[in-house]
PDB file of N, CA and C in Angstrom:
ATOM      1  N   MET A   1     -37.332 -16.033   3.766  1.00  0.00           N
ATOM      2  CA  MET A   1     -36.604 -14.770   3.765  1.00  0.00           C
ATOM      3  C   MET A   1     -37.030 -13.941   4.979  1.00  0.00           C
ATOM      4  N   ASP A   2     -36.062 -13.333   5.601  1.00  0.00           N
ATOM      5  CA  ASP A   2     -36.331 -12.533   6.790  1.00  0.00           C
ATOM      6  C   ASP A   2     -36.975 -11.204   6.415  1.00  0.00           C
ATOM      7  N   THR A   3     -37.678 -10.647   7.369  1.00  0.00           N
ATOM      8  CA  THR A   3     -38.239  -9.317   7.180  1.00  0.00           C
ATOM      9  C   THR A   3     -37.147  -8.290   7.449  1.00  0.00           C
ATOM     10  N   LEU A   4     -37.446  -7.051   7.143  1.00  0.00           N
ATOM     11  CA  LEU A   4     -36.482  -5.979   7.371  1.00  0.00           C
ATOM     12  C   LEU A   4     -36.104  -5.895   8.851  1.00  0.00           C
ATOM     13  N   GLU A   5     -37.089  -5.982   9.720  1.00  0.00           N
ATOM     14  CA  GLU A   5     -36.828  -5.869  11.160  1.00  0.00           C
ATOM     15  C   GLU A   5     -35.939  -7.006  11.656  1.00  0.00           C
ATOM     16  N   GLN A   6     -36.189  -8.223  11.181  1.00  0.00           N
ATOM     17  CA  GLN A   6     -35.369  -9.370  11.584  1.00  0.00           C
ATOM     18  C   GLN A   6     -33.938  -9.210  11.089  1.00  0.00           C
ATOM     19  N   THR A   7     -33.790  -8.750   9.872  1.00  0.00           N
ATOM     20  CA  THR A   7     -32.458  -8.570   9.297  1.00  0.00           C
ATOM     21  C   THR A   7     -31.695  -7.474  10.027  1.00  0.00           C
ATOM     22  N   ILE A   8     -32.368  -6.388  10.352  1.00  0.00           N
ATOM     23  CA  ILE A   8     -31.720  -5.308  11.110  1.00  0.00           C
ATOM     24  C   ILE A   8     -31.302  -5.806  12.486  1.00  0.00           C
ATOM     25  N   GLU A   9     -32.154  -6.576  13.134  1.00  0.00           N
ATOM     26  CA  GLU A   9     -31.829  -7.122  14.454  1.00  0.00           C
ATOM     27  C   GLU A   9     -30.602  -8.040  14.374  1.00  0.00           C
ATOM     28  N   LYS A  10     -30.554  -8.895  13.356  1.00  0.00           N
ATOM     29  CA  LYS A  10     -29.396  -9.781  13.177  1.00  0.00           C
ATOM     30  C   LYS A  10     -28.139  -8.956  12.941  1.00  0.00           C
ATOM     31  N   GLY A  11     -28.259  -7.898  12.152  1.00  0.00           N
ATOM     32  CA  GLY A  11     -27.115  -7.026  11.885  1.00  0.00           C
ATOM     33  C   GLY A  11     -26.605  -6.346  13.131  1.00  0.00           C
ATOM     34  N   LYS A  12     -27.514  -5.866  13.966  1.00  0.00           N
ATOM     35  CA  LYS A  12     -27.117  -5.208  15.213  1.00  0.00           C
ATOM     36  C   LYS A  12     -26.468  -6.198  16.166  1.00  0.00           C
ATOM     37  N   GLU A  13     -27.003  -7.417  16.229  1.00  0.00           N
ATOM     38  CA  GLU A  13     -26.398  -8.449  17.077  1.00  0.00           C
ATOM     39  C   GLU A  13     -24.994  -8.787  16.593  1.00  0.00           C
ATOM     40  N   PHE A  14     -24.825  -8.901  15.277  1.00  0.00           N
ATOM     41  CA  PHE A  14     -23.514  -9.209  14.718  1.00  0.00           C
ATOM     42  C   PHE A  14     -22.529  -8.092  15.038  1.00  0.00           C
ATOM     43  N   GLU A  15     -22.958  -6.850  14.889  1.00  0.00           N
ATOM     44  CA  GLU A  15     -22.079  -5.709  15.098  1.00  0.00           C
ATOM     45  C   GLU A  15     -21.632  -5.620  16.557  1.00  0.00           C
ATOM     46  N   LYS A  16     -22.475  -6.027  17.496  1.00  0.00           N
ATOM     47  CA  LYS A  16     -22.145  -5.955  18.924  1.00  0.00           C
ATOM     48  C   LYS A  16     -21.336  -7.157  19.405  1.00  0.00           C
ATOM     49  N   ARG A  17     -21.301  -8.219  18.621  1.00  0.00           N
ATOM     50  CA  ARG A  17     -20.632  -9.453  19.037  1.00  0.00           C
ATOM     51  C   ARG A  17     -19.130  -9.236  19.186  1.00  0.00           C
ATOM     52  N   SER A  18     -18.570  -9.820  20.214  1.00  0.00           N
ATOM     53  CA  SER A  18     -17.134  -9.735  20.449  1.00  0.00           C
ATOM     54  C   SER A  18     -16.394 -10.639  19.466  1.00  0.00           C
ATOM     55  N   MET A  19     -15.309 -10.141  18.923  1.00  0.00           N
ATOM     56  CA  MET A  19     -14.542 -10.917  17.957  1.00  0.00           C
ATOM     57  C   MET A  19     -13.209 -11.383  18.539  1.00  0.00           C
ATOM     58  N   GLY A  20     -13.035 -11.226  19.824  1.00  0.00           N
ATOM     59  CA  GLY A  20     -11.810 -11.667  20.467  1.00  0.00           C
ATOM     60  C   GLY A  20     -11.779 -13.173  20.638  1.00  0.00           C
ATOM     61  N   LYS A  21     -10.593 -13.738  20.604  1.00  0.00           N
ATOM     62  CA  LYS A  21     -10.371 -15.170  20.826  1.00  0.00           C
ATOM     63  C   LYS A  21     -11.171 -16.054  19.870  1.00  0.00           C
ATOM     64  N   MET A  22     -11.195 -15.669  18.608  1.00  0.00           N
ATOM     65  CA  MET A  22     -11.894 -16.468  17.596  1.00  0.00           C
ATOM     66  C   MET A  22     -10.900 -17.388  16.903  1.00  0.00           C
ATOM     67  N   THR A  23     -11.345 -18.573  16.589  1.00  0.00           N
ATOM     68  CA  THR A  23     -10.518 -19.471  15.791  1.00  0.00           C
ATOM     69  C   THR A  23     -10.640 -19.059  14.332  1.00  0.00           C
ATOM     70  N   THR A  24      -9.805 -19.639  13.502  1.00  0.00           N
ATOM     71  CA  THR A  24      -9.852 -19.337  12.076  1.00  0.00           C
ATOM     72  C   THR A  24     -11.195 -19.732  11.480  1.00  0.00           C
ATOM     73  N   SER A  25     -11.719 -20.872  11.877  1.00  0.00           N
ATOM     74  CA  SER A  25     -13.024 -21.289  11.343  1.00  0.00           C
ATOM     75  C   SER A  25     -14.136 -20.353  11.836  1.00  0.00           C
ATOM     76  N   ASP A  26     -14.014 -19.829  13.060  1.00  0.00           N
ATOM     77  CA  ASP A  26     -14.987 -18.843  13.552  1.00  0.00           C
ATOM     78  C   ASP A  26     -14.927 -17.567  12.716  1.00  0.00           C
ATOM     79  N   ARG A  27     -13.718 -17.152  12.369  1.00  0.00           N
ATOM     80  CA  ARG A  27     -13.557 -15.948  11.541  1.00  0.00           C
ATOM     81  C   ARG A  27     -14.143 -16.156  10.155  1.00  0.00           C
ATOM     82  N   LEU A  28     -13.915 -17.332   9.585  1.00  0.00           N
ATOM     83  CA  LEU A  28     -14.485 -17.623   8.271  1.00  0.00           C
ATOM     84  C   LEU A  28     -16.011 -17.573   8.318  1.00  0.00           C
ATOM     85  N   ALA A  29     -16.593 -18.168   9.337  1.00  0.00           N
ATOM     86  CA  ALA A  29     -18.051 -18.164   9.483  1.00  0.00           C
ATOM     87  C   ALA A  29     -18.571 -16.740   9.696  1.00  0.00           C
ATOM     88  N   ALA A  30     -17.879 -15.956  10.503  1.00  0.00           N
ATOM     89  CA  ALA A  30     -18.291 -14.577  10.761  1.00  0.00           C
ATOM     90  C   ALA A  30     -18.199 -13.727   9.502  1.00  0.00           C
ATOM     91  N   SER A  31     -17.158 -13.956   8.705  1.00  0.00           N
ATOM     92  CA  SER A  31     -17.000 -13.216   7.456  1.00  0.00           C
ATOM     93  C   SER A  31     -18.137 -13.535   6.487  1.00  0.00           C
ATOM     94  N   LYS A  32     -18.491 -14.810   6.392  1.00  0.00           N
ATOM     95  CA  LYS A  32     -19.597 -15.207   5.516  1.00  0.00           C
ATOM     96  C   LYS A  32     -20.922 -14.646   6.021  1.00  0.00           C
ATOM     97  N   GLU A  33     -21.108 -14.659   7.333  1.00  0.00           N
ATOM     98  CA  GLU A  33     -22.337 -14.120   7.910  1.00  0.00           C
ATOM     99  C   GLU A  33     -22.448 -12.620   7.629  1.00  0.00           C
ATOM    100  N   ALA A  34     -21.328 -11.905   7.778  1.00  0.00           N
ATOM    101  CA  ALA A  34     -21.325 -10.465   7.518  1.00  0.00           C
ATOM    102  C   ALA A  34     -21.683 -10.178   6.063  1.00  0.00           C
ATOM    103  N   LYS A  35     -21.113 -10.952   5.156  1.00  0.00           N
ATOM    104  CA  LYS A  35     -21.406 -10.754   3.739  1.00  0.00           C
ATOM    105  C   LYS A  35     -22.885 -10.978   3.457  1.00  0.00           C
ATOM    106  N   ALA A  36     -23.446 -12.036   4.020  1.00  0.00           N
ATOM    107  CA  ALA A  36     -24.864 -12.343   3.816  1.00  0.00           C
ATOM    108  C   ALA A  36     -25.748 -11.237   4.395  1.00  0.00           C
ATOM    109  N   LEU A  37     -25.382 -10.725   5.559  1.00  0.00           N
ATOM    110  CA  LEU A  37     -26.164  -9.646   6.174  1.00  0.00           C
ATOM    111  C   LEU A  37     -26.127  -8.383   5.325  1.00  0.00           C
ATOM    112  N   VAL A  38     -24.956  -8.016   4.841  1.00  0.00           N
ATOM    113  CA  VAL A  38     -24.839  -6.808   4.029  1.00  0.00           C
ATOM    114  C   VAL A  38     -25.639  -6.958   2.734  1.00  0.00           C
ATOM    115  N   LEU A  39     -25.565  -8.123   2.104  1.00  0.00           N
ATOM    116  CA  LEU A  39     -26.331  -8.336   0.877  1.00  0.00           C
ATOM    117  C   LEU A  39     -27.836  -8.272   1.132  1.00  0.00           C
ATOM    118  N   ALA A  40     -28.285  -8.852   2.239  1.00  0.00           N
ATOM    119  CA  ALA A  40     -29.709  -8.814   2.576  1.00  0.00           C
ATOM    120  C   ALA A  40     -30.152  -7.383   2.885  1.00  0.00           C
ATOM    121  N   LEU A  41     -29.348  -6.680   3.666  1.00  0.00           N
ATOM    122  CA  LEU A  41     -29.684  -5.293   3.990  1.00  0.00           C
ATOM    123  C   LEU A  41     -29.684  -4.412   2.744  1.00  0.00           C
ATOM    124  N   ASN A  42     -28.778  -4.703   1.824  1.00  0.00           N
ATOM    125  CA  ASN A  42     -28.704  -3.921   0.591  1.00  0.00           C
ATOM    126  C   ASN A  42     -29.987  -4.047  -0.230  1.00  0.00           C
ATOM    127  N   GLU A  43     -30.586  -5.224  -0.243  1.00  0.00           N
ATOM    128  CA  GLU A  43     -31.850  -5.411  -0.969  1.00  0.00           C
ATOM    129  C   GLU A  43     -32.942  -4.517  -0.378  1.00  0.00           C
ATOM    130  N   PHE A  44     -33.001  -4.433   0.957  1.00  0.00           N
ATOM    131  CA  PHE A  44     -33.983  -3.554   1.590  1.00  0.00           C
ATOM    132  C   PHE A  44     -33.637  -2.087   1.345  1.00  0.00           C
ATOM    133  N   TYR A  45     -32.333  -1.771   1.346  1.00  0.00           N
ATOM    134  CA  TYR A  45     -31.908  -0.390   1.141  1.00  0.00           C
ATOM    135  C   TYR A  45     -32.272   0.096  -0.259  1.00  0.00           C
ATOM    136  N   LYS A  46     -32.159  -0.764  -1.251  1.00  0.00           N
ATOM    137  CA  LYS A  46     -32.494  -0.380  -2.622  1.00  0.00           C
ATOM    138  C   LYS A  46     -33.928   0.118  -2.730  1.00  0.00           C
ATOM    139  N   GLU A  47     -34.813  -0.474  -1.938  1.00  0.00           N
ATOM    140  CA  GLU A  47     -36.224  -0.101  -1.985  1.00  0.00           C
ATOM    141  C   GLU A  47     -36.537   1.147  -1.155  1.00  0.00           C
ATOM    142  N   SER A  48     -35.913   1.256   0.024  1.00  0.00           N
ATOM    143  CA  SER A  48     -36.326   2.315   0.953  1.00  0.00           C
ATOM    144  C   SER A  48     -35.386   3.518   1.006  1.00  0.00           C
ATOM    145  N   LYS A  49     -34.107   3.324   0.680  1.00  0.00           N
ATOM    146  CA  LYS A  49     -33.090   4.382   0.797  1.00  0.00           C
ATOM    147  C   LYS A  49     -33.017   4.947   2.217  1.00  0.00           C
ATOM    148  N   ASP A  50     -33.229   4.081   3.207  1.00  0.00           N
ATOM    149  CA  ASP A  50     -33.210   4.462   4.619  1.00  0.00           C
ATOM    150  C   ASP A  50     -31.761   4.587   5.095  1.00  0.00           C
ATOM    151  N   SER A  51     -31.426   5.728   5.680  1.00  0.00           N
ATOM    152  CA  SER A  51     -30.044   5.966   6.113  1.00  0.00           C
ATOM    153  C   SER A  51     -29.652   5.046   7.272  1.00  0.00           C
ATOM    154  N   GLU A  52     -30.608   4.598   8.084  1.00  0.00           N
ATOM    155  CA  GLU A  52     -30.306   3.679   9.179  1.00  0.00           C
ATOM    156  C   GLU A  52     -29.766   2.351   8.635  1.00  0.00           C
ATOM    157  N   ILE A  53     -30.352   1.889   7.549  1.00  0.00           N
ATOM    158  CA  ILE A  53     -29.890   0.642   6.924  1.00  0.00           C
ATOM    159  C   ILE A  53     -28.472   0.826   6.386  1.00  0.00           C
ATOM    160  N   MET A  54     -28.223   1.957   5.740  1.00  0.00           N
ATOM    161  CA  MET A  54     -26.886   2.233   5.198  1.00  0.00           C
ATOM    162  C   MET A  54     -25.855   2.299   6.322  1.00  0.00           C
ATOM    163  N   ASP A  55     -26.191   2.958   7.420  1.00  0.00           N
ATOM    164  CA  ASP A  55     -25.264   3.056   8.547  1.00  0.00           C
ATOM    165  C   ASP A  55     -24.927   1.679   9.114  1.00  0.00           C
ATOM    166  N   LEU A  56     -25.933   0.818   9.222  1.00  0.00           N
ATOM    167  CA  LEU A  56     -25.704  -0.534   9.728  1.00  0.00           C
ATOM    168  C   LEU A  56     -24.829  -1.322   8.761  1.00  0.00           C
ATOM    169  N   MET A  57     -25.070  -1.175   7.468  1.00  0.00           N
ATOM    170  CA  MET A  57     -24.226  -1.866   6.478  1.00  0.00           C
ATOM    171  C   MET A  57     -22.774  -1.408   6.593  1.00  0.00           C
ATOM    172  N   LYS A  58     -22.568  -0.132   6.826  1.00  0.00           N
ATOM    173  CA  LYS A  58     -21.207   0.395   6.974  1.00  0.00           C
ATOM    174  C   LYS A  58     -20.514  -0.201   8.207  1.00  0.00           C
ATOM    175  N   LEU A  59     -21.246  -0.267   9.327  1.00  0.00           N
ATOM    176  CA  LEU A  59     -20.661  -0.829  10.546  1.00  0.00           C
ATOM    177  C   LEU A  59     -20.290  -2.298  10.361  1.00  0.00           C
ATOM    178  N   ILE A  60     -21.175  -3.051   9.732  1.00  0.00           N
ATOM    179  CA  ILE A  60     -20.899  -4.471   9.485  1.00  0.00           C
ATOM    180  C   ILE A  60     -19.715  -4.625   8.544  1.00  0.00           C
ATOM    181  N   THR A  61     -19.643  -3.772   7.528  1.00  0.00           N
ATOM    182  CA  THR A  61     -18.543  -3.848   6.562  1.00  0.00           C
ATOM    183  C   THR A  61     -17.201  -3.559   7.229  1.00  0.00           C
ATOM    184  N   VAL A  62     -17.167  -2.590   8.128  1.00  0.00           N
ATOM    185  CA  VAL A  62     -15.923  -2.278   8.848  1.00  0.00           C
ATOM    186  C   VAL A  62     -15.483  -3.488   9.667  1.00  0.00           C
ATOM    187  N   LYS A  63     -16.434  -4.099  10.359  1.00  0.00           N
ATOM    188  CA  LYS A  63     -16.110  -5.271  11.180  1.00  0.00           C
ATOM    189  C   LYS A  63     -15.646  -6.426  10.289  1.00  0.00           C
ATOM    190  N   LYS A  64     -16.300  -6.608   9.140  1.00  0.00           N
ATOM    191  CA  LYS A  64     -15.918  -7.674   8.211  1.00  0.00           C
ATOM    192  C   LYS A  64     -14.498  -7.455   7.696  1.00  0.00           C
ATOM    193  N   LYS A  65     -14.141  -6.223   7.401  1.00  0.00           N
ATOM    194  CA  LYS A  65     -12.792  -5.928   6.920  1.00  0.00           C
ATOM    195  C   LYS A  65     -11.744  -6.281   7.977  1.00  0.00           C
ATOM    196  N   LYS A  66     -12.051  -6.017   9.237  1.00  0.00           N
ATOM    197  CA  LYS A  66     -11.127  -6.377  10.325  1.00  0.00           C
ATOM    198  C   LYS A  66     -10.969  -7.888  10.419  1.00  0.00           C
ATOM    199  N   ILE A  67     -12.081  -8.595  10.292  1.00  0.00           N
ATOM    200  CA  ILE A  67     -12.035 -10.063  10.336  1.00  0.00           C
ATOM    201  C   ILE A  67     -11.223 -10.591   9.157  1.00  0.00           C
ATOM    202  N   ASP A  68     -11.486 -10.057   7.960  1.00  0.00           N
ATOM    203  CA  ASP A  68     -10.781 -10.510   6.764  1.00  0.00           C
ATOM    204  C   ASP A  68      -9.284 -10.211   6.844  1.00  0.00           C
ATOM    205  N   LYS A  69      -8.946  -9.090   7.471  1.00  0.00           N
ATOM    206  CA  LYS A  69      -7.537  -8.742   7.634  1.00  0.00           C
ATOM    207  C   LYS A  69      -6.841  -9.776   8.516  1.00  0.00           C
ATOM    208  N   ARG A  70      -7.512 -10.186   9.599  1.00  0.00           N
ATOM    209  CA  ARG A  70      -6.944 -11.208  10.480  1.00  0.00           C
ATOM    210  C   ARG A  70      -6.853 -12.566   9.767  1.00  0.00           C
ATOM    211  N   LEU A  71      -7.845 -12.857   8.919  1.00  0.00           N
ATOM    212  CA  LEU A  71      -7.811 -14.107   8.167  1.00  0.00           C
ATOM    213  C   LEU A  71      -6.627 -14.113   7.200  1.00  0.00           C
ATOM    214  N   ALA A  72      -6.421 -13.016   6.516  1.00  0.00           N
ATOM    215  CA  ALA A  72      -5.302 -12.931   5.567  1.00  0.00           C
ATOM    216  C   ALA A  72      -3.983 -13.098   6.297  1.00  0.00           C
ATOM    217  N   TYR A  73      -3.899 -12.527   7.500  1.00  0.00           N
ATOM    218  CA  TYR A  73      -2.690 -12.640   8.299  1.00  0.00           C
ATOM    219  C   TYR A  73      -2.450 -14.093   8.733  1.00  0.00           C
ATOM    220  N   SER A  74      -3.524 -14.792   9.084  1.00  0.00           N
ATOM    221  CA  SER A  74      -3.363 -16.166   9.577  1.00  0.00           C
ATOM    222  C   SER A  74      -3.023 -17.134   8.451  1.00  0.00           C
ATOM    223  N   PHE A  75      -3.358 -16.799   7.208  1.00  0.00           N
ATOM    224  CA  PHE A  75      -3.053 -17.682   6.088  1.00  0.00           C
ATOM    225  C   PHE A  75      -1.715 -17.375   5.430  1.00  0.00           C
ATOM    226  N   SER A  76      -1.074 -16.288   5.829  1.00  0.00           N
ATOM    227  CA  SER A  76       0.201 -15.949   5.178  1.00  0.00           C
ATOM    228  C   SER A  76       1.388 -16.523   5.912  1.00  0.00           C
TER     229      SER A  76
END
């Protein structure tokens, strides 16, 4: 299991990553990664109630929703 610092770093890297020109399988992988990051960050947030963790979870969730929207569009 990653430490809080490692998880935050992974979250920041994910949030900064470009999502342009992704294939459907790339979007699926990114969506799963975002979900895993938010769940991991949530476990740390439950203990610390740190607003920085909450802000990062919100940013990742917004990006995940955009990815999921594109996935829904590609499957319809």
